[in-house]
Amino acid sequence: MPHDRDRDATGPGIIDIWTWSLDAVDPDLAAMLSSEEIARASRFVQARDCHRFIAGRAGLRRILARYLAVAPRRLGLTYNAFGKPQIAGSNRRQLHFNLSHTETTAMLAVSDHYHVGIDIETIKPLKEDIAGHFFSPKEYMTLKMLAPEAYIQGFYCLWTRKEAFLKALGVGLSLPLDAFDISITAPQLERLDGDADASINWSLFDVDTPSGLVGTVAALTVGNSVRLRYRTDENDLLTGLVARQRHNAPLLHRSDDSPASPS
């Protein structure tokens, strides 16, 4: 699949992919957040987790604000019944987006035309064999057939593909994980219960990620040809996120910790 790095506006054949560091800490980033987000940040126990939450939300707001021509803090965000974030109020561009983060990296998928989901994970040893609990019987059997040295990579490829699809679908875990099959050998939806055309309507893409990560984007493209456009060279946009590396700069007080990873 071709990748485009131009700065043209998104069109029906493009999904923008943004990447930034969550360790690029700047106290000014907190000014972009809503009061609710500030409150959430203040509940983290560890300063590192607070910093990364703020950098993630500031990046999300600054990027989406550019598409919508509004100030980052004025951008209204809401959530559907299953917790998927979306733009509140009148969204004249019908902008769809989804955010994922793992440790020090955040990635955001943005489209004017398609419901999107993105998931990235850090590849690391698994504490236990959890595949049987989260994958369909077909997926699990295919995974178990991999050579030992390929198992972990295969697990995370499949994990991110399933997670990205669920996030694009926007229904969370209300859809049983055995209600659909996704290929391990290629980013492709093979089956979705109750939807005979799902494999045609949905597209999955492996994402170019920093070293040590794996990622997938899913989109309801309805058979249209789509390419990913990587937007990692926008220094004018992300200067506040990537220029300074003040890891120890205190932003807020914390009193809560971060969600668990799949491993």
Protein backbone atom coordinates (compact mmCIF):
# COMPACT_ATOMS: atom_id res chain seq x y z
CA MET A 1 0.00 0.00 0.00
CA PRO A 2 1.49 3.40 -0.94
CA HIS A 3 2.20 5.95 1.76
CA ASP A 4 1.83 9.69 1.14
CA ARG A 5 3.60 12.37 3.18
CA ASP A 6 2.19 15.45 1.43
CA ARG A 7 0.35 18.17 3.33
CA ASP A 8 -2.84 18.14 1.24
CA ALA A 9 -6.21 18.10 2.97
CA THR A 10 -7.56 14.66 3.77
CA GLY A 11 -9.68 13.14 1.01
CA PRO A 12 -11.60 9.90 0.48
CA GLY A 13 -8.36 8.07 -0.30
CA ILE A 14 -6.34 9.24 2.72
CA ILE A 15 -6.14 8.50 6.43
CA ASP A 16 -3.69 10.71 8.31
CA ILE A 17 -1.43 9.11 10.92
CA TRP A 18 0.25 11.34 13.51
CA THR A 19 3.00 10.26 15.92
CA TRP A 20 4.49 12.11 18.90
CA SER A 21 6.41 11.49 22.10
CA LEU A 22 4.59 11.38 25.42
CA ASP A 23 7.82 12.23 27.22
CA ALA A 24 7.97 15.67 25.57
CA VAL A 25 6.81 17.46 28.70
CA ASP A 26 6.08 21.18 28.84
CA PRO A 27 4.01 22.83 31.60
CA ASP A 28 2.30 24.96 28.94
CA LEU A 29 0.65 21.86 27.46
CA ALA A 30 -1.78 21.65 30.36
CA ALA A 31 -3.32 24.96 29.23
CA MET A 32 -4.73 23.16 26.17
CA LEU A 33 -6.72 20.68 28.26
CA SER A 34 -10.30 20.96 29.45
CA SER A 35 -11.08 21.24 33.16
CA GLU A 36 -12.25 17.62 33.13
CA GLU A 37 -8.96 16.47 31.59
CA ILE A 38 -6.99 18.51 34.13
CA ALA A 39 -8.93 16.77 36.89
CA ARG A 40 -8.17 13.37 35.36
CA ALA A 41 -4.49 14.21 35.09
CA SER A 42 -4.37 15.27 38.74
CA ARG A 43 -5.52 11.82 39.86
CA PHE A 44 -2.45 9.97 38.59
CA VAL A 45 -0.12 8.82 41.37
CA GLN A 46 3.04 8.78 39.28
CA ALA A 47 4.35 12.04 37.82
CA ARG A 48 5.42 10.19 34.67
CA ASP A 49 1.87 8.97 34.04
CA CYS A 50 0.48 12.46 34.63
CA HIS A 51 2.98 13.97 32.17
CA ARG A 52 2.19 11.39 29.51
CA PHE A 53 -1.55 11.85 29.86
CA ILE A 54 -1.17 15.61 29.44
CA ALA A 55 1.15 15.23 26.43
CA GLY A 56 -1.28 12.77 24.85
CA ARG A 57 -4.33 14.97 25.31
CA ALA A 58 -2.50 18.13 24.27
CA GLY A 59 -1.31 16.44 21.09
CA LEU A 60 -4.80 15.17 20.33
CA ARG A 61 -6.34 18.60 20.84
CA ARG A 62 -3.68 20.49 18.94
CA ILE A 63 -3.90 18.20 15.92
CA LEU A 64 -7.71 18.09 15.74
CA ALA A 65 -7.89 21.85 16.31
CA ARG A 66 -5.78 22.35 13.21
CA TYR A 67 -8.25 20.40 11.07
CA LEU A 68 -11.24 22.28 12.51
CA ALA A 69 -9.63 25.75 12.75
CA VAL A 70 -10.40 26.21 16.45
CA ALA A 71 -8.28 26.79 19.55
CA PRO A 72 -7.17 23.48 21.15
CA ARG A 73 -8.84 24.21 24.48
CA ARG A 74 -12.11 25.19 22.76
CA LEU A 75 -12.35 21.83 21.03
CA GLY A 76 -15.32 19.96 22.47
CA LEU A 77 -14.88 16.23 22.99
CA THR A 78 -17.56 13.79 24.05
CA TYR A 79 -17.95 10.00 24.22
CA ASN A 80 -20.43 7.56 22.78
CA ALA A 81 -22.26 4.98 24.88
CA PHE A 82 -19.27 2.64 24.68
CA GLY A 83 -16.62 5.22 25.58
CA LYS A 84 -15.29 6.09 22.12
CA PRO A 85 -14.27 9.78 21.99
CA GLN A 86 -15.75 11.99 19.29
CA ILE A 87 -16.05 15.68 18.48
CA ALA A 88 -18.95 17.36 20.24
CA GLY A 89 -21.48 19.66 18.63
CA SER A 90 -21.55 20.51 14.94
CA ASN A 91 -18.61 18.79 13.25
CA ARG A 92 -18.81 20.45 9.85
CA ARG A 93 -16.01 18.32 8.42
CA GLN A 94 -17.45 15.07 9.78
CA LEU A 95 -13.99 14.40 11.15
CA HIS A 96 -13.33 10.91 12.50
CA PHE A 97 -10.36 10.15 14.73
CA ASN A 98 -8.93 7.64 17.16
CA LEU A 99 -5.98 7.79 19.55
CA SER A 100 -3.72 5.07 20.91
CA HIS A 101 -0.69 5.25 23.16
CA THR A 102 1.84 2.89 24.67
CA GLU A 103 4.51 3.92 27.14
CA THR A 104 6.30 6.89 25.49
CA THR A 105 4.52 7.03 22.12
CA ALA A 106 1.12 8.28 20.94
CA MET A 107 -0.39 7.76 17.49
CA LEU A 108 -3.55 9.35 16.11
CA ALA A 109 -5.58 8.34 13.05
CA VAL A 110 -7.70 11.06 11.39
CA SER A 111 -10.13 10.83 8.47
CA ASP A 112 -12.74 13.09 6.91
CA HIS A 113 -14.62 10.13 5.49
CA TYR A 114 -14.24 6.90 7.44
CA HIS A 115 -14.79 5.62 10.94
CA VAL A 116 -11.29 4.73 12.13
CA GLY A 117 -9.62 2.87 14.95
CA ILE A 118 -5.94 2.60 15.81
CA ASP A 119 -4.05 0.50 18.31
CA ILE A 120 -0.34 0.39 19.08
CA GLU A 121 1.42 -1.82 21.59
CA THR A 122 4.94 -2.28 22.91
CA ILE A 123 6.28 -5.74 22.10
CA LYS A 124 7.41 -7.38 25.33
CA PRO A 125 7.34 -10.85 26.86
CA LEU A 126 3.89 -12.09 27.81
CA LYS A 127 3.33 -12.86 31.48
CA GLU A 128 0.88 -15.64 30.62
CA ASP A 129 -0.83 -17.20 27.64
CA ILE A 130 -3.87 -14.93 27.42
CA ALA A 131 -4.58 -15.54 23.73
CA GLY A 132 -7.21 -18.18 24.49
CA HIS A 133 -9.23 -15.62 26.44
CA PHE A 134 -9.14 -12.81 23.87
CA PHE A 135 -9.01 -14.44 20.45
CA SER A 136 -11.52 -16.51 18.52
CA PRO A 137 -10.96 -20.30 18.35
CA LYS A 138 -9.70 -19.99 14.76
CA GLU A 139 -7.32 -17.15 15.64
CA TYR A 140 -6.04 -18.98 18.69
CA MET A 141 -5.34 -22.19 16.78
CA THR A 142 -3.53 -20.28 14.03
CA LEU A 143 -1.44 -18.44 16.60
CA LYS A 144 -0.50 -21.67 18.37
CA MET A 145 0.82 -23.07 15.08
CA LEU A 146 3.48 -20.34 14.83
CA ALA A 147 7.08 -21.16 15.62
CA PRO A 148 8.07 -20.14 19.17
CA GLU A 149 10.27 -17.30 17.92
CA ALA A 150 7.34 -15.87 15.92
CA TYR A 151 4.69 -16.25 18.61
CA ILE A 152 5.10 -12.93 20.42
CA GLN A 153 5.18 -10.90 17.20
CA GLY A 154 2.14 -12.81 15.95
CA PHE A 155 0.31 -12.23 19.21
CA TYR A 156 0.79 -8.46 19.14
CA CYS A 157 -0.05 -8.20 15.44
CA LEU A 158 -3.32 -10.01 16.08
CA TRP A 159 -4.00 -8.09 19.29
CA THR A 160 -3.62 -4.69 17.63
CA ARG A 161 -5.70 -5.75 14.62
CA LYS A 162 -8.59 -6.88 16.81
CA GLU A 163 -8.34 -3.84 19.08
CA ALA A 164 -8.18 -1.38 16.16
CA PHE A 165 -11.24 -3.00 14.59
CA LEU A 166 -13.22 -2.82 17.84
CA LYS A 167 -12.23 0.83 18.28
CA ALA A 168 -13.28 1.68 14.72
CA LEU A 169 -16.56 -0.15 15.23
CA GLY A 170 -17.08 1.96 18.34
CA VAL A 171 -18.85 -0.68 20.43
CA GLY A 172 -16.06 -1.64 22.81
CA LEU A 173 -16.17 -5.11 24.30
CA SER A 174 -19.95 -5.33 23.86
CA LEU A 175 -19.03 -7.32 20.74
CA PRO A 176 -17.76 -10.76 21.81
CA LEU A 177 -14.16 -11.31 20.79
CA ASP A 178 -15.09 -14.61 19.16
CA ALA A 179 -17.74 -12.91 16.99
CA PHE A 180 -15.13 -12.03 14.38
CA ASP A 181 -11.95 -13.49 12.91
CA ILE A 182 -8.91 -11.52 11.80
CA SER A 183 -5.97 -12.94 9.89
CA ILE A 184 -2.58 -13.24 11.55
CA THR A 185 -0.64 -13.44 8.30
CA ALA A 186 -2.15 -10.25 6.80
CA PRO A 187 -4.14 -7.26 8.11
CA GLN A 188 -7.56 -8.49 7.01
CA LEU A 189 -10.96 -9.04 8.58
CA GLU A 190 -12.10 -12.53 7.65
CA ARG A 191 -15.45 -12.85 9.42
CA LEU A 192 -17.96 -10.77 11.38
CA ASP A 193 -21.08 -12.47 12.66
CA GLY A 194 -24.21 -11.06 11.03
CA ASP A 195 -22.37 -9.15 8.28
CA ALA A 196 -21.58 -11.14 5.14
CA ASP A 197 -19.93 -8.10 3.50
CA ALA A 198 -17.69 -7.17 6.43
CA SER A 199 -14.47 -8.39 4.80
CA ILE A 200 -15.18 -6.09 1.83
CA ASN A 201 -16.37 -3.06 3.78
CA TRP A 202 -13.59 -3.00 6.37
CA SER A 203 -9.91 -2.33 5.71
CA LEU A 204 -7.01 -2.97 8.08
CA PHE A 205 -3.49 -1.57 7.68
CA ASP A 206 -0.23 -2.33 9.42
CA VAL A 207 1.20 0.94 10.74
CA ASP A 208 4.80 2.11 10.49
CA THR A 209 5.72 2.47 14.16
CA PRO A 210 8.85 3.36 16.12
CA SER A 211 11.17 0.44 16.88
CA GLY A 212 9.81 -2.05 19.39
CA LEU A 213 6.15 -1.27 18.68
CA VAL A 214 3.49 -2.81 16.49
CA GLY A 215 0.30 -1.11 15.32
CA THR A 216 -2.81 -1.39 13.18
CA VAL A 217 -5.37 1.01 11.71
CA ALA A 218 -8.89 -0.17 10.89
CA ALA A 219 -11.37 1.81 8.79
CA LEU A 220 -14.86 1.37 7.36
CA THR A 221 -13.77 2.12 3.78
CA VAL A 222 -16.66 0.27 2.06
CA GLY A 223 -14.35 -1.09 -0.62
CA ASN A 224 -12.65 2.23 -1.43
CA SER A 225 -8.90 2.36 -2.02
CA VAL A 226 -7.17 4.11 0.88
CA ARG A 227 -3.58 4.98 1.78
CA LEU A 228 -2.01 6.10 5.02
CA ARG A 229 -0.37 9.53 5.08
CA TYR A 230 2.20 9.90 7.84
CA ARG A 231 2.28 13.32 9.48
CA THR A 232 5.39 13.15 11.64
CA ASP A 233 7.17 16.13 10.06
CA GLU A 234 4.84 18.89 11.26
CA ASN A 235 7.36 20.77 13.39
CA ASP A 236 5.23 23.91 13.28
CA LEU A 237 2.35 21.95 14.78
CA LEU A 238 4.09 19.81 17.37
CA THR A 239 6.92 22.08 18.49
CA GLY A 240 5.44 22.28 21.97
CA LEU A 241 5.34 18.50 22.16
CA VAL A 242 8.68 17.48 20.71
CA ALA A 243 11.10 20.38 21.16
CA ARG A 244 11.68 20.20 24.90
CA GLN A 245 12.43 17.06 26.90
CA ARG A 246 11.97 18.26 30.48
CA HIS A 247 11.08 14.87 31.94
CA ASN A 248 11.10 16.09 35.53
CA ALA A 249 9.04 19.25 35.08
CA PRO A 250 6.14 19.00 37.57
CA LEU A 251 2.77 19.74 35.99
CA LEU A 252 0.14 18.68 38.50
CA HIS A 253 -0.31 16.65 41.65
CA ARG A 254 -1.29 13.01 41.05
CA SER A 255 -3.48 10.50 42.93
CA ASP A 256 -4.31 7.68 40.49
CA ASP A 257 -2.46 5.30 38.18
CA SER A 258 -2.69 4.31 34.55
CA PRO A 259 -4.67 1.50 32.91
CA ALA A 260 -3.12 -1.93 32.42
CA SER A 261 -1.55 -3.12 29.16
CA PRO A 262 -2.44 -6.44 27.49
CA SER A 263 0.66 -8.06 28.91
